[in-house]
Amino acid sequence: MTVFEKIQATLADILDVETASIGAETYLFRDLEVESIDLLELAVSLSSEFNIDVNDDEVFLKTLRVYISEPGDQVTDTRAYLMEKYPYLTSTRVDEILADQEDGPVLKVKDIVDYVNWRSV
């Protein structure tokens, strides 16, 4: 099984939904309507399944809005700042996030896959 398939199966189990309804581009909050308790269970599962340390703030982009709205006086490039804070996200994904944030939480399944791959190195 790939990292994506394992995460997909875990999410399907936690949320009691069909595996086929979860794709890499699926939004966790917008499409799957995850709740805080679901994220906690997912974090524990990721840690156990992949034998990695899971930082909730990083993997679930919990502080993203803070970084965007209050980046600090020294930050002149929000995009570069986000790439520094979330090193597992590609520049293309950071651009998507910056363009998409008005529609609500931006966390996608592929972000979690990228996090796990980054932590597993």
C-alpha atoms as a PDB file:
ATOM      1  CA  MET A   1       0.000   0.000   0.000  1.00  0.00           C
ATOM      2  CA  THR A   2       1.164   3.523  -0.742  1.00  0.00           C
ATOM      3  CA  VAL A   3       1.239   6.289   1.845  1.00  0.00           C
ATOM      4  CA  PHE A   4      -1.845   7.795   0.214  1.00  0.00           C
ATOM      5  CA  GLU A   5      -3.746   4.496   0.296  1.00  0.00           C
ATOM      6  CA  LYS A   6      -2.932   3.994   3.979  1.00  0.00           C
ATOM      7  CA  ILE A   7      -4.068   7.519   4.851  1.00  0.00           C
ATOM      8  CA  GLN A   8      -7.144   7.116   2.685  1.00  0.00           C
ATOM      9  CA  ALA A   9      -8.075   3.872   4.465  1.00  0.00           C
ATOM     10  CA  THR A  10      -7.428   5.400   7.879  1.00  0.00           C
ATOM     11  CA  LEU A  11      -9.601   8.422   7.112  1.00  0.00           C
ATOM     12  CA  ALA A  12     -12.368   6.204   5.743  1.00  0.00           C
ATOM     13  CA  ASP A  13     -12.288   4.167   8.946  1.00  0.00           C
ATOM     14  CA  ILE A  14     -12.217   7.173  11.275  1.00  0.00           C
ATOM     15  CA  LEU A  15     -14.963   9.040   9.424  1.00  0.00           C
ATOM     16  CA  ASP A  16     -17.022   5.987   8.474  1.00  0.00           C
ATOM     17  CA  VAL A  17     -17.105   6.902   4.781  1.00  0.00           C
ATOM     18  CA  GLU A  18     -16.354   5.001   1.592  1.00  0.00           C
ATOM     19  CA  THR A  19     -12.670   4.884   0.675  1.00  0.00           C
ATOM     20  CA  ALA A  20     -13.554   5.888  -2.898  1.00  0.00           C
ATOM     21  CA  SER A  21     -14.932   9.206  -1.618  1.00  0.00           C
ATOM     22  CA  ILE A  22     -11.449  10.265  -0.481  1.00  0.00           C
ATOM     23  CA  GLY A  23      -8.969  11.472  -3.070  1.00  0.00           C
ATOM     24  CA  ALA A  24      -5.688  13.343  -2.862  1.00  0.00           C
ATOM     25  CA  GLU A  25      -7.495  16.611  -3.653  1.00  0.00           C
ATOM     26  CA  THR A  26     -10.222  16.071  -1.046  1.00  0.00           C
ATOM     27  CA  TYR A  27     -10.500  18.831   1.552  1.00  0.00           C
ATOM     28  CA  LEU A  28     -10.664  17.453   5.069  1.00  0.00           C
ATOM     29  CA  PHE A  29     -12.904  20.159   6.503  1.00  0.00           C
ATOM     30  CA  ARG A  30     -14.879  21.247   3.460  1.00  0.00           C
ATOM     31  CA  ASP A  31     -15.548  17.836   1.918  1.00  0.00           C
ATOM     32  CA  LEU A  32     -15.199  15.343   4.753  1.00  0.00           C
ATOM     33  CA  GLU A  33     -16.369  17.618   7.575  1.00  0.00           C
ATOM     34  CA  VAL A  34     -13.714  16.386   9.998  1.00  0.00           C
ATOM     35  CA  GLU A  35     -13.841  17.524  13.595  1.00  0.00           C
ATOM     36  CA  SER A  36     -11.115  18.076  16.168  1.00  0.00           C
ATOM     37  CA  ILE A  37     -11.524  14.611  17.633  1.00  0.00           C
ATOM     38  CA  ASP A  38     -11.089  13.115  14.142  1.00  0.00           C
ATOM     39  CA  LEU A  39      -7.804  14.983  13.732  1.00  0.00           C
ATOM     40  CA  LEU A  40      -6.604  13.709  17.082  1.00  0.00           C
ATOM     41  CA  GLU A  41      -7.393  10.132  16.076  1.00  0.00           C
ATOM     42  CA  LEU A  42      -5.739  10.668  12.699  1.00  0.00           C
ATOM     43  CA  ALA A  43      -2.584  12.056  14.319  1.00  0.00           C
ATOM     44  CA  VAL A  44      -2.323   9.026  16.605  1.00  0.00           C
ATOM     45  CA  SER A  45      -2.873   6.712  13.635  1.00  0.00           C
ATOM     46  CA  LEU A  46      -0.231   8.481  11.541  1.00  0.00           C
ATOM     47  CA  SER A  47       2.278   8.260  14.356  1.00  0.00           C
ATOM     48  CA  SER A  48       1.608   4.575  14.871  1.00  0.00           C
ATOM     49  CA  GLU A  49       1.247   3.532  11.221  1.00  0.00           C
ATOM     50  CA  PHE A  50       4.307   5.361   9.912  1.00  0.00           C
ATOM     51  CA  ASN A  51       6.431   5.466  13.068  1.00  0.00           C
ATOM     52  CA  ILE A  52       6.866   9.244  12.873  1.00  0.00           C
ATOM     53  CA  ASP A  53       6.536  12.168  15.256  1.00  0.00           C
ATOM     54  CA  VAL A  54       3.405  14.091  14.353  1.00  0.00           C
ATOM     55  CA  ASN A  55       3.213  17.819  15.008  1.00  0.00           C
ATOM     56  CA  ASP A  56      -0.497  18.705  14.887  1.00  0.00           C
ATOM     57  CA  ASP A  57       0.181  22.349  14.033  1.00  0.00           C
ATOM     58  CA  GLU A  58       2.322  21.377  11.056  1.00  0.00           C
ATOM     59  CA  VAL A  59       0.399  18.453   9.591  1.00  0.00           C
ATOM     60  CA  PHE A  60      -3.067  20.000   9.956  1.00  0.00           C
ATOM     61  CA  LEU A  61      -1.989  23.565   9.077  1.00  0.00           C
ATOM     62  CA  LYS A  62      -3.490  24.772  12.350  1.00  0.00           C
ATOM     63  CA  THR A  63      -1.455  27.974  12.528  1.00  0.00           C
ATOM     64  CA  LEU A  64      -1.679  28.779   8.827  1.00  0.00           C
ATOM     65  CA  ARG A  65      -4.100  31.690   9.210  1.00  0.00           C
ATOM     66  CA  VAL A  66      -1.960  33.189  11.961  1.00  0.00           C
ATOM     67  CA  TYR A  67       1.114  32.990   9.748  1.00  0.00           C
ATOM     68  CA  ILE A  68      -0.776  34.654   6.909  1.00  0.00           C
ATOM     69  CA  SER A  69      -2.514  37.377   8.902  1.00  0.00           C
ATOM     70  CA  GLU A  70       0.255  38.165  11.383  1.00  0.00           C
ATOM     71  CA  PRO A  71       3.539  37.182   9.747  1.00  0.00           C
ATOM     72  CA  GLY A  72       5.615  39.644  11.740  1.00  0.00           C
ATOM     73  CA  ASP A  73       7.580  42.738  10.857  1.00  0.00           C
ATOM     74  CA  GLN A  74      10.552  40.920   9.336  1.00  0.00           C
ATOM     75  CA  VAL A  75       8.425  38.982   6.832  1.00  0.00           C
ATOM     76  CA  THR A  76       8.247  40.603   3.420  1.00  0.00           C
ATOM     77  CA  ASP A  77       7.301  37.507   1.398  1.00  0.00           C
ATOM     78  CA  THR A  78       4.342  35.565   2.798  1.00  0.00           C
ATOM     79  CA  ARG A  79       4.815  32.752   0.290  1.00  0.00           C
ATOM     80  CA  ALA A  80       8.449  32.186   1.288  1.00  0.00           C
ATOM     81  CA  TYR A  81       7.499  32.467   4.950  1.00  0.00           C
ATOM     82  CA  LEU A  82       4.854  29.731   4.579  1.00  0.00           C
ATOM     83  CA  MET A  83       7.294  27.511   2.727  1.00  0.00           C
ATOM     84  CA  GLU A  84       9.688  27.911   5.635  1.00  0.00           C
ATOM     85  CA  LYS A  85       6.988  27.083   8.199  1.00  0.00           C
ATOM     86  CA  TYR A  86       5.653  24.130   6.162  1.00  0.00           C
ATOM     87  CA  PRO A  87       8.729  22.718   4.396  1.00  0.00           C
ATOM     88  CA  TYR A  88       6.857  19.665   3.152  1.00  0.00           C
ATOM     89  CA  LEU A  89       4.511  21.759   0.967  1.00  0.00           C
ATOM     90  CA  THR A  90       5.542  22.467  -2.596  1.00  0.00           C
ATOM     91  CA  SER A  91       5.665  26.021  -3.894  1.00  0.00           C
ATOM     92  CA  THR A  92       2.722  25.195  -6.149  1.00  0.00           C
ATOM     93  CA  ARG A  93       0.687  24.015  -3.164  1.00  0.00           C
ATOM     94  CA  VAL A  94       1.539  27.150  -1.169  1.00  0.00           C
ATOM     95  CA  ASP A  95       0.343  29.240  -4.119  1.00  0.00           C
ATOM     96  CA  GLU A  96      -2.913  27.226  -4.174  1.00  0.00           C
ATOM     97  CA  ILE A  97      -3.388  27.791  -0.459  1.00  0.00           C
ATOM     98  CA  LEU A  98      -2.826  31.530  -0.744  1.00  0.00           C
ATOM     99  CA  ALA A  99      -5.331  31.747  -3.607  1.00  0.00           C
ATOM    100  CA  ASP A 100      -7.890  29.464  -1.952  1.00  0.00           C
ATOM    101  CA  GLN A 101      -8.015  30.555   1.681  1.00  0.00           C
ATOM    102  CA  GLU A 102     -11.127  32.705   1.260  1.00  0.00           C
ATOM    103  CA  ASP A 103     -13.260  29.575   0.781  1.00  0.00           C
ATOM    104  CA  GLY A 104     -12.421  28.161   4.208  1.00  0.00           C
ATOM    105  CA  PRO A 105      -9.967  25.626   5.611  1.00  0.00           C
ATOM    106  CA  VAL A 106      -7.506  24.547   2.934  1.00  0.00           C
ATOM    107  CA  LEU A 107      -6.143  21.262   4.300  1.00  0.00           C
ATOM    108  CA  LYS A 108      -6.218  18.495   1.686  1.00  0.00           C
ATOM    109  CA  VAL A 109      -5.447  14.802   1.942  1.00  0.00           C
ATOM    110  CA  LYS A 110      -2.386  15.323  -0.248  1.00  0.00           C
ATOM    111  CA  ASP A 111      -0.972  17.732   2.364  1.00  0.00           C
ATOM    112  CA  ILE A 112      -1.034  14.950   4.935  1.00  0.00           C
ATOM    113  CA  VAL A 113       0.568  12.538   2.465  1.00  0.00           C
ATOM    114  CA  ASP A 114       3.326  15.063   1.781  1.00  0.00           C
ATOM    115  CA  TYR A 115       3.834  15.572   5.525  1.00  0.00           C
ATOM    116  CA  VAL A 116       4.195  11.840   6.144  1.00  0.00           C
ATOM    117  CA  ASN A 117       6.618  11.466   3.243  1.00  0.00           C
ATOM    118  CA  TRP A 118       8.667  14.415   4.559  1.00  0.00           C
ATOM    119  CA  ARG A 119       8.747  13.035   8.110  1.00  0.00           C
ATOM    120  CA  SER A 120       9.639   9.553   6.904  1.00  0.00           C
ATOM    121  CA  VAL A 121      12.869  10.628   5.245  1.00  0.00           C
END
